[in-house]
Amino acid sequence: MTDVILLRRKSAGEQAKEKVQPDSTKSNYDKLEETVTSSADKVVGAVQPDDSKSAGQTVSDTFRGNADSAQNSTGKTWTESAQDAASNVANTAQNTLNQASDYVKNSGSGGSAAK
């Protein structure tokens, strides 16, 4: 993931494409990248003044806010939800690193690579 990805807003098309594509077809890296960039976009959208947003960003932020409100009706605080999200990102990253490490170990020892 590059700094450029984290500094720009996602278009509605990018967001829709991520939602439509099944997770089963995405690599762990793609899932991690989507989680990080979506979280960054959500933060930027929350702090960006409405008068500096495009019409598409305003609609997207409003829709996301309504969806977040509905999802957060579980009784969790926003802090707990953020902690859960951070934990999920960390777990996905750790799993990806473990898989990469296993692959390197197995392919470097002459054995077959783990899948």
PDB file of N, CA and C in Angstrom:
ATOM      1  N   MET A   1       0.856  -1.171   0.000  1.00  0.00           N
ATOM      2  CA  MET A   1       0.000   0.000   0.000  1.00  0.00           C
ATOM      3  C   MET A   1       0.898   1.228   0.000  1.00  0.00           C
ATOM      4  N   THR A   2       0.561   2.168  -0.776  1.00  0.00           N
ATOM      5  CA  THR A   2       1.387   3.360  -0.851  1.00  0.00           C
ATOM      6  C   THR A   2       0.705   4.511  -0.144  1.00  0.00           C
ATOM      7  N   ASP A   3       1.515   5.534   0.173  1.00  0.00           N
ATOM      8  CA  ASP A   3       0.957   6.722   0.809  1.00  0.00           C
ATOM      9  C   ASP A   3      -0.075   7.391  -0.078  1.00  0.00           C
ATOM     10  N   VAL A   4       0.113   7.307  -1.392  1.00  0.00           N
ATOM     11  CA  VAL A   4      -0.824   7.931  -2.315  1.00  0.00           C
ATOM     12  C   VAL A   4      -2.208   7.318  -2.152  1.00  0.00           C
ATOM     13  N   ILE A   5      -2.271   6.011  -2.001  1.00  0.00           N
ATOM     14  CA  ILE A   5      -3.559   5.332  -1.824  1.00  0.00           C
ATOM     15  C   ILE A   5      -4.248   5.834  -0.575  1.00  0.00           C
ATOM     16  N   LEU A   6      -3.500   6.042   0.496  1.00  0.00           N
ATOM     17  CA  LEU A   6      -4.091   6.430   1.763  1.00  0.00           C
ATOM     18  C   LEU A   6      -4.496   7.903   1.807  1.00  0.00           C
ATOM     19  N   LEU A   7      -3.970   8.725   0.928  1.00  0.00           N
ATOM     20  CA  LEU A   7      -4.236  10.156   0.989  1.00  0.00           C
ATOM     21  C   LEU A   7      -5.398  10.609   0.106  1.00  0.00           C
ATOM     22  N   ARG A   8      -5.875   9.775  -0.774  1.00  0.00           N
ATOM     23  CA  ARG A   8      -6.956  10.202  -1.653  1.00  0.00           C
ATOM     24  C   ARG A   8      -8.250   9.512  -1.258  1.00  0.00           C
ATOM     25  N   ARG A   9      -9.359  10.166  -1.612  1.00  0.00           N
ATOM     26  CA  ARG A   9     -10.677   9.601  -1.337  1.00  0.00           C
ATOM     27  C   ARG A   9     -10.993   8.525  -2.362  1.00  0.00           C
ATOM     28  N   LYS A  10     -11.709   7.502  -1.928  1.00  0.00           N
ATOM     29  CA  LYS A  10     -12.174   6.468  -2.845  1.00  0.00           C
ATOM     30  C   LYS A  10     -13.401   6.990  -3.584  1.00  0.00           C
ATOM     31  N   SER A  11     -13.467   6.671  -4.860  1.00  0.00           N
ATOM     32  CA  SER A  11     -14.660   7.039  -5.623  1.00  0.00           C
ATOM     33  C   SER A  11     -15.779   6.072  -5.272  1.00  0.00           C
ATOM     34  N   ALA A  12     -17.003   6.481  -5.576  1.00  0.00           N
ATOM     35  CA  ALA A  12     -18.157   5.610  -5.339  1.00  0.00           C
ATOM     36  C   ALA A  12     -18.004   4.327  -6.157  1.00  0.00           C
ATOM     37  N   GLY A  13     -17.434   4.442  -7.345  1.00  0.00           N
ATOM     38  CA  GLY A  13     -17.212   3.264  -8.185  1.00  0.00           C
ATOM     39  C   GLY A  13     -16.245   2.278  -7.557  1.00  0.00           C
ATOM     40  N   GLU A  14     -15.166   2.807  -6.976  1.00  0.00           N
ATOM     41  CA  GLU A  14     -14.203   1.930  -6.301  1.00  0.00           C
ATOM     42  C   GLU A  14     -14.849   1.219  -5.114  1.00  0.00           C
ATOM     43  N   GLN A  15     -15.634   1.977  -4.350  1.00  0.00           N
ATOM     44  CA  GLN A  15     -16.303   1.395  -3.191  1.00  0.00           C
ATOM     45  C   GLN A  15     -17.289   0.310  -3.617  1.00  0.00           C
ATOM     46  N   ALA A  16     -18.037   0.583  -4.667  1.00  0.00           N
ATOM     47  CA  ALA A  16     -19.020  -0.391  -5.152  1.00  0.00           C
ATOM     48  C   ALA A  16     -18.323  -1.649  -5.661  1.00  0.00           C
ATOM     49  N   LYS A  17     -17.236  -1.474  -6.393  1.00  0.00           N
ATOM     50  CA  LYS A  17     -16.490  -2.617  -6.927  1.00  0.00           C
ATOM     51  C   LYS A  17     -15.994  -3.504  -5.790  1.00  0.00           C
ATOM     52  N   GLU A  18     -15.496  -2.903  -4.714  1.00  0.00           N
ATOM     53  CA  GLU A  18     -15.003  -3.675  -3.575  1.00  0.00           C
ATOM     54  C   GLU A  18     -16.128  -4.461  -2.904  1.00  0.00           C
ATOM     55  N   LYS A  19     -17.309  -3.852  -2.837  1.00  0.00           N
ATOM     56  CA  LYS A  19     -18.449  -4.514  -2.190  1.00  0.00           C
ATOM     57  C   LYS A  19     -18.996  -5.656  -3.044  1.00  0.00           C
ATOM     58  N   VAL A  20     -18.969  -5.488  -4.368  1.00  0.00           N
ATOM     59  CA  VAL A  20     -19.554  -6.468  -5.275  1.00  0.00           C
ATOM     60  C   VAL A  20     -18.653  -7.695  -5.429  1.00  0.00           C
ATOM     61  N   GLN A  21     -17.339  -7.480  -5.454  1.00  0.00           N
ATOM     62  CA  GLN A  21     -16.416  -8.600  -5.642  1.00  0.00           C
ATOM     63  C   GLN A  21     -16.409  -9.485  -4.397  1.00  0.00           C
ATOM     64  N   PRO A  22     -16.682 -10.762  -4.536  1.00  0.00           N
ATOM     65  CA  PRO A  22     -16.706 -11.657  -3.371  1.00  0.00           C
ATOM     66  C   PRO A  22     -15.339 -11.731  -2.690  1.00  0.00           C
ATOM     67  N   ASP A  23     -15.344 -11.750  -1.357  1.00  0.00           N
ATOM     68  CA  ASP A  23     -14.095 -11.848  -0.605  1.00  0.00           C
ATOM     69  C   ASP A  23     -13.316 -13.109  -0.963  1.00  0.00           C
ATOM     70  N   SER A  24     -14.026 -14.155  -1.346  1.00  0.00           N
ATOM     71  CA  SER A  24     -13.363 -15.418  -1.667  1.00  0.00           C
ATOM     72  C   SER A  24     -12.446 -15.297  -2.889  1.00  0.00           C
ATOM     73  N   THR A  25     -12.633 -14.251  -3.693  1.00  0.00           N
ATOM     74  CA  THR A  25     -11.791 -14.059  -4.882  1.00  0.00           C
ATOM     75  C   THR A  25     -10.660 -13.070  -4.628  1.00  0.00           C
ATOM     76  N   LYS A  26     -10.587 -12.549  -3.406  1.00  0.00           N
ATOM     77  CA  LYS A  26      -9.576 -11.546  -3.075  1.00  0.00           C
ATOM     78  C   LYS A  26      -8.443 -12.178  -2.292  1.00  0.00           C
ATOM     79  N   SER A  27      -7.225 -11.693  -2.536  1.00  0.00           N
ATOM     80  CA  SER A  27      -6.078 -12.150  -1.756  1.00  0.00           C
ATOM     81  C   SER A  27      -6.129 -11.496  -0.375  1.00  0.00           C
ATOM     82  N   ASN A  28      -5.361 -12.030   0.554  1.00  0.00           N
ATOM     83  CA  ASN A  28      -5.289 -11.421   1.885  1.00  0.00           C
ATOM     84  C   ASN A  28      -4.787  -9.984   1.787  1.00  0.00           C
ATOM     85  N   TYR A  29      -3.833  -9.752   0.871  1.00  0.00           N
ATOM     86  CA  TYR A  29      -3.324  -8.395   0.680  1.00  0.00           C
ATOM     87  C   TYR A  29      -4.438  -7.464   0.227  1.00  0.00           C
ATOM     88  N   ASP A  30      -5.257  -7.918  -0.733  1.00  0.00           N
ATOM     89  CA  ASP A  30      -6.365  -7.085  -1.230  1.00  0.00           C
ATOM     90  C   ASP A  30      -7.352  -6.768  -0.118  1.00  0.00           C
ATOM     91  N   LYS A  31      -7.664  -7.781   0.711  1.00  0.00           N
ATOM     92  CA  LYS A  31      -8.587  -7.569   1.827  1.00  0.00           C
ATOM     93  C   LYS A  31      -8.015  -6.562   2.818  1.00  0.00           C
ATOM     94  N   LEU A  32      -6.731  -6.706   3.126  1.00  0.00           N
ATOM     95  CA  LEU A  32      -6.075  -5.785   4.055  1.00  0.00           C
ATOM     96  C   LEU A  32      -6.056  -4.377   3.484  1.00  0.00           C
ATOM     97  N   GLU A  33      -5.712  -4.260   2.204  1.00  0.00           N
ATOM     98  CA  GLU A  33      -5.672  -2.946   1.555  1.00  0.00           C
ATOM     99  C   GLU A  33      -7.046  -2.282   1.572  1.00  0.00           C
ATOM    100  N   GLU A  34      -8.097  -3.047   1.294  1.00  0.00           N
ATOM    101  CA  GLU A  34      -9.453  -2.496   1.315  1.00  0.00           C
ATOM    102  C   GLU A  34      -9.834  -2.027   2.711  1.00  0.00           C
ATOM    103  N   THR A  35      -9.483  -2.807   3.714  1.00  0.00           N
ATOM    104  CA  THR A  35      -9.805  -2.436   5.094  1.00  0.00           C
ATOM    105  C   THR A  35      -9.103  -1.141   5.481  1.00  0.00           C
ATOM    106  N   VAL A  36      -7.822  -1.060   5.170  1.00  0.00           N
ATOM    107  CA  VAL A  36      -7.042   0.130   5.542  1.00  0.00           C
ATOM    108  C   VAL A  36      -7.516   1.355   4.769  1.00  0.00           C
ATOM    109  N   THR A  37      -7.690   1.219   3.457  1.00  0.00           N
ATOM    110  CA  THR A  37      -8.089   2.384   2.663  1.00  0.00           C
ATOM    111  C   THR A  37      -9.524   2.807   2.966  1.00  0.00           C
ATOM    112  N   SER A  38     -10.393   1.848   3.268  1.00  0.00           N
ATOM    113  CA  SER A  38     -11.767   2.201   3.630  1.00  0.00           C
ATOM    114  C   SER A  38     -11.803   2.939   4.960  1.00  0.00           C
ATOM    115  N   SER A  39     -10.990   2.477   5.910  1.00  0.00           N
ATOM    116  CA  SER A  39     -10.924   3.157   7.206  1.00  0.00           C
ATOM    117  C   SER A  39     -10.356   4.564   7.052  1.00  0.00           C
ATOM    118  N   ALA A  40      -9.308   4.687   6.256  1.00  0.00           N
ATOM    119  CA  ALA A  40      -8.713   6.005   6.024  1.00  0.00           C
ATOM    120  C   ALA A  40      -9.708   6.932   5.334  1.00  0.00           C
ATOM    121  N   ASP A  41     -10.434   6.408   4.347  1.00  0.00           N
ATOM    122  CA  ASP A  41     -11.430   7.206   3.632  1.00  0.00           C
ATOM    123  C   ASP A  41     -12.537   7.661   4.577  1.00  0.00           C
ATOM    124  N   LYS A  42     -12.932   6.772   5.483  1.00  0.00           N
ATOM    125  CA  LYS A  42     -13.987   7.106   6.441  1.00  0.00           C
ATOM    126  C   LYS A  42     -13.518   8.251   7.363  1.00  0.00           C
ATOM    127  N   VAL A  43     -12.274   8.194   7.812  1.00  0.00           N
ATOM    128  CA  VAL A  43     -11.734   9.246   8.680  1.00  0.00           C
ATOM    129  C   VAL A  43     -11.646  10.562   7.924  1.00  0.00           C
ATOM    130  N   VAL A  44     -11.102  10.510   6.706  1.00  0.00           N
ATOM    131  CA  VAL A  44     -10.983  11.734   5.906  1.00  0.00           C
ATOM    132  C   VAL A  44     -12.364  12.319   5.635  1.00  0.00           C
ATOM    133  N   GLY A  45     -13.335  11.471   5.323  1.00  0.00           N
ATOM    134  CA  GLY A  45     -14.696  11.941   5.064  1.00  0.00           C
ATOM    135  C   GLY A  45     -15.322  12.596   6.279  1.00  0.00           C
ATOM    136  N   ALA A  46     -14.977  12.092   7.469  1.00  0.00           N
ATOM    137  CA  ALA A  46     -15.550  12.644   8.697  1.00  0.00           C
ATOM    138  C   ALA A  46     -14.965  14.016   9.045  1.00  0.00           C
ATOM    139  N   VAL A  47     -13.704  14.228   8.709  1.00  0.00           N
ATOM    140  CA  VAL A  47     -13.070  15.505   9.081  1.00  0.00           C
ATOM    141  C   VAL A  47     -13.067  16.529   7.949  1.00  0.00           C
ATOM    142  N   GLN A  48     -13.321  16.091   6.726  1.00  0.00           N
ATOM    143  CA  GLN A  48     -13.335  17.016   5.592  1.00  0.00           C
ATOM    144  C   GLN A  48     -14.599  17.869   5.636  1.00  0.00           C
ATOM    145  N   PRO A  49     -14.465  19.196   5.536  1.00  0.00           N
ATOM    146  CA  PRO A  49     -15.652  20.062   5.541  1.00  0.00           C
ATOM    147  C   PRO A  49     -16.580  19.729   4.379  1.00  0.00           C
ATOM    148  N   ASP A  50     -17.884  19.737   4.653  1.00  0.00           N
ATOM    149  CA  ASP A  50     -18.864  19.386   3.623  1.00  0.00           C
ATOM    150  C   ASP A  50     -18.756  20.265   2.385  1.00  0.00           C
ATOM    151  N   ASP A  51     -18.409  21.532   2.575  1.00  0.00           N
ATOM    152  CA  ASP A  51     -18.360  22.438   1.422  1.00  0.00           C
ATOM    153  C   ASP A  51     -17.166  22.173   0.505  1.00  0.00           C
ATOM    154  N   SER A  52     -16.241  21.318   0.931  1.00  0.00           N
ATOM    155  CA  SER A  52     -15.108  20.980   0.062  1.00  0.00           C
ATOM    156  C   SER A  52     -15.242  19.586  -0.551  1.00  0.00           C
ATOM    157  N   LYS A  53     -16.386  18.926  -0.312  1.00  0.00           N
ATOM    158  CA  LYS A  53     -16.624  17.594  -0.868  1.00  0.00           C
ATOM    159  C   LYS A  53     -17.343  17.702  -2.204  1.00  0.00           C
ATOM    160  N   SER A  54     -17.036  16.752  -3.077  1.00  0.00           N
ATOM    161  CA  SER A  54     -17.792  16.665  -4.327  1.00  0.00           C
ATOM    162  C   SER A  54     -19.179  16.112  -4.003  1.00  0.00           C
ATOM    163  N   ALA A  55     -20.074  16.220  -4.953  1.00  0.00           N
ATOM    164  CA  ALA A  55     -21.428  15.696  -4.740  1.00  0.00           C
ATOM    165  C   ALA A  55     -21.386  14.198  -4.463  1.00  0.00           C
ATOM    166  N   GLY A  56     -20.541  13.483  -5.205  1.00  0.00           N
ATOM    167  CA  GLY A  56     -20.415  12.040  -5.008  1.00  0.00           C
ATOM    168  C   GLY A  56     -19.892  11.684  -3.625  1.00  0.00           C
ATOM    169  N   GLN A  57     -18.905  12.470  -3.140  1.00  0.00           N
ATOM    170  CA  GLN A  57     -18.364  12.219  -1.805  1.00  0.00           C
ATOM    171  C   GLN A  57     -19.409  12.488  -0.725  1.00  0.00           C
ATOM    172  N   THR A  58     -20.189  13.539  -0.915  1.00  0.00           N
ATOM    173  CA  THR A  58     -21.235  13.870   0.061  1.00  0.00           C
ATOM    174  C   THR A  58     -22.258  12.748   0.150  1.00  0.00           C
ATOM    175  N   VAL A  59     -22.710  12.265  -1.017  1.00  0.00           N
ATOM    176  CA  VAL A  59     -23.683  11.175  -1.037  1.00  0.00           C
ATOM    177  C   VAL A  59     -23.075   9.920  -0.409  1.00  0.00           C
ATOM    178  N   SER A  60     -21.848   9.609  -0.793  1.00  0.00           N
ATOM    179  CA  SER A  60     -21.180   8.417  -0.270  1.00  0.00           C
ATOM    180  C   SER A  60     -21.003   8.496   1.243  1.00  0.00           C
ATOM    181  N   ASP A  61     -20.562   9.652   1.745  1.00  0.00           N
ATOM    182  CA  ASP A  61     -20.362   9.821   3.186  1.00  0.00           C
ATOM    183  C   ASP A  61     -21.683   9.732   3.949  1.00  0.00           C
ATOM    184  N   THR A  62     -22.744  10.291   3.376  1.00  0.00           N
ATOM    185  CA  THR A  62     -24.053  10.231   4.021  1.00  0.00           C
ATOM    186  C   THR A  62     -24.543   8.789   4.071  1.00  0.00           C
ATOM    187  N   PHE A  63     -24.413   8.089   2.960  1.00  0.00           N
ATOM    188  CA  PHE A  63     -24.834   6.689   2.901  1.00  0.00           C
ATOM    189  C   PHE A  63     -24.032   5.850   3.892  1.00  0.00           C
ATOM    190  N   ARG A  64     -22.710   6.058   3.915  1.00  0.00           N
ATOM    191  CA  ARG A  64     -21.848   5.300   4.826  1.00  0.00           C
ATOM    192  C   ARG A  64     -22.209   5.604   6.274  1.00  0.00           C
ATOM    193  N   GLY A  65     -22.490   6.872   6.578  1.00  0.00           N
ATOM    194  CA  GLY A  65     -22.870   7.241   7.936  1.00  0.00           C
ATOM    195  C   GLY A  65     -24.147   6.560   8.373  1.00  0.00           C
ATOM    196  N   ASN A  66     -25.131   6.496   7.471  1.00  0.00           N
ATOM    197  CA  ASN A  66     -26.381   5.808   7.785  1.00  0.00           C
ATOM    198  C   ASN A  66     -26.147   4.315   7.978  1.00  0.00           C
ATOM    199  N   ALA A  67     -25.307   3.728   7.144  1.00  0.00           N
ATOM    200  CA  ALA A  67     -25.003   2.295   7.268  1.00  0.00           C
ATOM    201  C   ALA A  67     -24.257   2.026   8.567  1.00  0.00           C
ATOM    202  N   ASP A  68     -23.314   2.905   8.903  1.00  0.00           N
ATOM    203  CA  ASP A  68     -22.560   2.739  10.146  1.00  0.00           C
ATOM    204  C   ASP A  68     -23.474   2.836  11.356  1.00  0.00           C
ATOM    205  N   SER A  69     -24.430   3.757  11.314  1.00  0.00           N
ATOM    206  CA  SER A  69     -25.375   3.907  12.425  1.00  0.00           C
ATOM    207  C   SER A  69     -26.192   2.636  12.605  1.00  0.00           C
ATOM    208  N   ALA A  70     -26.626   2.069  11.503  1.00  0.00           N
ATOM    209  CA  ALA A  70     -27.416   0.842  11.576  1.00  0.00           C
ATOM    210  C   ALA A  70     -26.574  -0.319  12.082  1.00  0.00           C
ATOM    211  N   GLN A  71     -25.342  -0.402  11.620  1.00  0.00           N
ATOM    212  CA  GLN A  71     -24.465  -1.491  12.040  1.00  0.00           C
ATOM    213  C   GLN A  71     -24.078  -1.347  13.507  1.00  0.00           C
ATOM    214  N   ASN A  72     -23.967  -0.133  13.993  1.00  0.00           N
ATOM    215  CA  ASN A  72     -23.498   0.071  15.349  1.00  0.00           C
ATOM    216  C   ASN A  72     -24.627  -0.046  16.371  1.00  0.00           C
ATOM    217  N   SER A  73     -25.782  -0.493  15.941  1.00  0.00           N
ATOM    218  CA  SER A  73     -26.886  -0.677  16.867  1.00  0.00           C
ATOM    219  C   SER A  73     -26.681  -1.923  17.730  1.00  0.00           C
ATOM    220  N   THR A  74     -25.499  -2.524  17.649  1.00  0.00           N
ATOM    221  CA  THR A  74     -25.184  -3.714  18.443  1.00  0.00           C
ATOM    222  C   THR A  74     -24.902  -3.360  19.887  1.00  0.00           C
ATOM    223  N   GLY A  75     -24.805  -2.069  20.183  1.00  0.00           N
ATOM    224  CA  GLY A  75     -24.533  -1.640  21.547  1.00  0.00           C
ATOM    225  C   GLY A  75     -23.067  -1.352  21.801  1.00  0.00           C
ATOM    226  N   LYS A  76     -22.219  -1.588  20.825  1.00  0.00           N
ATOM    227  CA  LYS A  76     -20.801  -1.294  20.998  1.00  0.00           C
ATOM    228  C   LYS A  76     -20.571   0.205  20.844  1.00  0.00           C
ATOM    229  N   THR A  77     -19.625   0.714  21.610  1.00  0.00           N
ATOM    230  CA  THR A  77     -19.244   2.112  21.437  1.00  0.00           C
ATOM    231  C   THR A  77     -18.406   2.230  20.171  1.00  0.00           C
ATOM    232  N   TRP A  78     -18.256   3.447  19.699  1.00  0.00           N
ATOM    233  CA  TRP A  78     -17.431   3.659  18.508  1.00  0.00           C
ATOM    234  C   TRP A  78     -15.995   3.249  18.796  1.00  0.00           C
ATOM    235  N   THR A  79     -15.536   3.475  20.020  1.00  0.00           N
ATOM    236  CA  THR A  79     -14.173   3.081  20.383  1.00  0.00           C
ATOM    237  C   THR A  79     -14.025   1.563  20.304  1.00  0.00           C
ATOM    238  N   GLU A  80     -15.008   0.838  20.822  1.00  0.00           N
ATOM    239  CA  GLU A  80     -14.960  -0.629  20.756  1.00  0.00           C
ATOM    240  C   GLU A  80     -14.990  -1.109  19.308  1.00  0.00           C
ATOM    241  N   SER A  81     -15.817  -0.473  18.498  1.00  0.00           N
ATOM    242  CA  SER A  81     -15.880  -0.835  17.085  1.00  0.00           C
ATOM    243  C   SER A  81     -14.554  -0.570  16.392  1.00  0.00           C
ATOM    244  N   ALA A  82     -13.929   0.560  16.713  1.00  0.00           N
ATOM    245  CA  ALA A  82     -12.628   0.891  16.128  1.00  0.00           C
ATOM    246  C   ALA A  82     -11.561  -0.097  16.593  1.00  0.00           C
ATOM    247  N   GLN A  83     -11.617  -0.472  17.871  1.00  0.00           N
ATOM    248  CA  GLN A  83     -10.659  -1.447  18.384  1.00  0.00           C
ATOM    249  C   GLN A  83     -10.838  -2.799  17.693  1.00  0.00           C
ATOM    250  N   ASP A  84     -12.074  -3.199  17.490  1.00  0.00           N
ATOM    251  CA  ASP A  84     -12.344  -4.452  16.782  1.00  0.00           C
ATOM    252  C   ASP A  84     -11.781  -4.395  15.366  1.00  0.00           C
ATOM    253  N   ALA A  85     -12.009  -3.281  14.689  1.00  0.00           N
ATOM    254  CA  ALA A  85     -11.517  -3.131  13.314  1.00  0.00           C
ATOM    255  C   ALA A  85      -9.992  -3.183  13.283  1.00  0.00           C
ATOM    256  N   ALA A  86      -9.348  -2.494  14.225  1.00  0.00           N
ATOM    257  CA  ALA A  86      -7.885  -2.501  14.286  1.00  0.00           C
ATOM    258  C   ALA A  86      -7.364  -3.908  14.567  1.00  0.00           C
ATOM    259  N   SER A  87      -8.035  -4.607  15.444  1.00  0.00           N
ATOM    260  CA  SER A  87      -7.646  -5.981  15.761  1.00  0.00           C
ATOM    261  C   SER A  87      -7.786  -6.884  14.541  1.00  0.00           C
ATOM    262  N   ASN A  88      -8.869  -6.712  13.782  1.00  0.00           N
ATOM    263  CA  ASN A  88      -9.073  -7.503  12.573  1.00  0.00           C
ATOM    264  C   ASN A  88      -7.990  -7.228  11.542  1.00  0.00           C
ATOM    265  N   VAL A  89      -7.612  -5.958  11.395  1.00  0.00           N
ATOM    266  CA  VAL A  89      -6.544  -5.597  10.457  1.00  0.00           C
ATOM    267  C   VAL A  89      -5.239  -6.247  10.900  1.00  0.00           C
ATOM    268  N   ALA A  90      -4.940  -6.162  12.189  1.00  0.00           N
ATOM    269  CA  ALA A  90      -3.698  -6.745  12.712  1.00  0.00           C
ATOM    270  C   ALA A  90      -3.687  -8.261  12.514  1.00  0.00           C
ATOM    271  N   ASN A  91      -4.818  -8.911  12.767  1.00  0.00           N
ATOM    272  CA  ASN A  91      -4.886 -10.365  12.592  1.00  0.00           C
ATOM    273  C   ASN A  91      -4.707 -10.768  11.133  1.00  0.00           C
ATOM    274  N   THR A  92      -5.338 -10.017  10.233  1.00  0.00           N
ATOM    275  CA  THR A  92      -5.192 -10.314   8.805  1.00  0.00           C
ATOM    276  C   THR A  92      -3.749 -10.125   8.361  1.00  0.00           C
ATOM    277  N   ALA A  93      -3.127  -9.050   8.836  1.00  0.00           N
ATOM    278  CA  ALA A  93      -1.720  -8.798   8.493  1.00  0.00           C
ATOM    279  C   ALA A  93      -0.834  -9.914   9.036  1.00  0.00           C
ATOM    280  N   GLN A  94      -1.060 -10.326  10.276  1.00  0.00           N
ATOM    281  CA  GLN A  94      -0.258 -11.397  10.880  1.00  0.00           C
ATOM    282  C   GLN A  94      -0.435 -12.706  10.116  1.00  0.00           C
ATOM    283  N   ASN A  95      -1.665 -13.031   9.750  1.00  0.00           N
ATOM    284  CA  ASN A  95      -1.918 -14.251   8.984  1.00  0.00           C
ATOM    285  C   ASN A  95      -1.214 -14.215   7.636  1.00  0.00           C
ATOM    286  N   THR A  96      -1.245 -13.050   6.986  1.00  0.00           N
ATOM    287  CA  THR A  96      -0.578 -12.910   5.688  1.00  0.00           C
ATOM    288  C   THR A  96       0.928 -13.088   5.839  1.00  0.00           C
ATOM    289  N   LEU A  97       1.502 -12.486   6.882  1.00  0.00           N
ATOM    290  CA  LEU A  97       2.945 -12.633   7.131  1.00  0.00           C
ATOM    291  C   LEU A  97       3.296 -14.081   7.445  1.00  0.00           C
ATOM    292  N   ASN A  98       2.472 -14.752   8.230  1.00  0.00           N
ATOM    293  CA  ASN A  98       2.720 -16.160   8.549  1.00  0.00           C
ATOM    294  C   ASN A  98       2.685 -17.022   7.291  1.00  0.00           C
ATOM    295  N   GLN A  99       1.707 -16.769   6.425  1.00  0.00           N
ATOM    296  CA  GLN A  99       1.607 -17.533   5.185  1.00  0.00           C
ATOM    297  C   GLN A  99       2.824 -17.280   4.294  1.00  0.00           C
ATOM    298  N   ALA A 100       3.258 -16.029   4.223  1.00  0.00           N
ATOM    299  CA  ALA A 100       4.433 -15.695   3.412  1.00  0.00           C
ATOM    300  C   ALA A 100       5.680 -16.363   3.991  1.00  0.00           C
ATOM    301  N   SER A 101       5.806 -16.346   5.309  1.00  0.00           N
ATOM    302  CA  SER A 101       6.946 -16.974   5.968  1.00  0.00           C
ATOM    303  C   SER A 101       6.965 -18.470   5.714  1.00  0.00           C
ATOM    304  N   ASP A 102       5.815 -19.111   5.853  1.00  0.00           N
ATOM    305  CA  ASP A 102       5.718 -20.551   5.596  1.00  0.00           C
ATOM    306  C   ASP A 102       6.084 -20.870   4.149  1.00  0.00           C
ATOM    307  N   TYR A 103       5.609 -20.042   3.249  1.00  0.00           N
ATOM    308  CA  TYR A 103       5.897 -20.256   1.831  1.00  0.00           C
ATOM    309  C   TYR A 103       7.402 -20.183   1.575  1.00  0.00           C
ATOM    310  N   VAL A 104       8.041 -19.151   2.139  1.00  0.00           N
ATOM    311  CA  VAL A 104       9.478 -18.976   1.938  1.00  0.00           C
ATOM    312  C   VAL A 104      10.248 -20.141   2.561  1.00  0.00           C
ATOM    313  N   LYS A 105       9.867 -20.542   3.764  1.00  0.00           N
ATOM    314  CA  LYS A 105      10.534 -21.670   4.426  1.00  0.00           C
ATOM    315  C   LYS A 105      10.415 -22.936   3.591  1.00  0.00           C
ATOM    316  N   ASN A 106       9.200 -23.223   3.132  1.00  0.00           N
ATOM    317  CA  ASN A 106       8.977 -24.457   2.380  1.00  0.00           C
ATOM    318  C   ASN A 106       9.614 -24.442   1.000  1.00  0.00           C
ATOM    319  N   SER A 107       9.617 -23.312   0.342  1.00  0.00           N
ATOM    320  CA  SER A 107      10.193 -23.260  -1.000  1.00  0.00           C
ATOM    321  C   SER A 107      11.711 -23.179  -0.931  1.00  0.00           C
ATOM    322  N   GLY A 108      12.255 -22.628   0.158  1.00  0.00           N
ATOM    323  CA  GLY A 108      13.705 -22.527   0.298  1.00  0.00           C
ATOM    324  C   GLY A 108      14.355 -23.817   0.722  1.00  0.00           C
ATOM    325  N   SER A 109      13.606 -24.741   1.300  1.00  0.00           N
ATOM    326  CA  SER A 109      14.195 -25.998   1.799  1.00  0.00           C
ATOM    327  C   SER A 109      14.070 -27.113   0.766  1.00  0.00           C
ATOM    328  N   GLY A 110      13.619 -26.788  -0.410  1.00  0.00           N
ATOM    329  CA  GLY A 110      13.484 -27.802  -1.441  1.00  0.00           C
ATOM    330  C   GLY A 110      12.161 -28.519  -1.410  1.00  0.00           C
ATOM    331  N   GLY A 111      11.370 -28.250  -0.367  1.00  0.00           N
ATOM    332  CA  GLY A 111      10.039 -28.883  -0.266  1.00  0.00           C
ATOM    333  C   GLY A 111       9.048 -28.141  -1.126  1.00  0.00           C
ATOM    334  N   SER A 112       7.869 -28.678  -1.208  1.00  0.00           N
ATOM    335  CA  SER A 112       6.848 -27.988  -1.989  1.00  0.00           C
ATOM    336  C   SER A 112       6.296 -26.827  -1.186  1.00  0.00           C
ATOM    337  N   ALA A 113       5.912 -25.760  -1.873  1.00  0.00           N
ATOM    338  CA  ALA A 113       5.405 -24.560  -1.211  1.00  0.00           C
ATOM    339  C   ALA A 113       4.038 -24.830  -0.641  1.00  0.00           C
ATOM    340  N   ALA A 114       3.788 -24.281   0.539  1.00  0.00           N
ATOM    341  CA  ALA A 114       2.462 -24.402   1.162  1.00  0.00           C
ATOM    342  C   ALA A 114       1.472 -23.552   0.404  1.00  0.00           C
ATOM    343  N   LYS A 115       0.251 -24.023   0.344  1.00  0.00           N
ATOM    344  CA  LYS A 115      -0.781 -23.247  -0.363  1.00  0.00           C
ATOM    345  C   LYS A 115      -1.694 -22.631   0.618  1.00  0.00           C
TER     346      LYS A 115
END
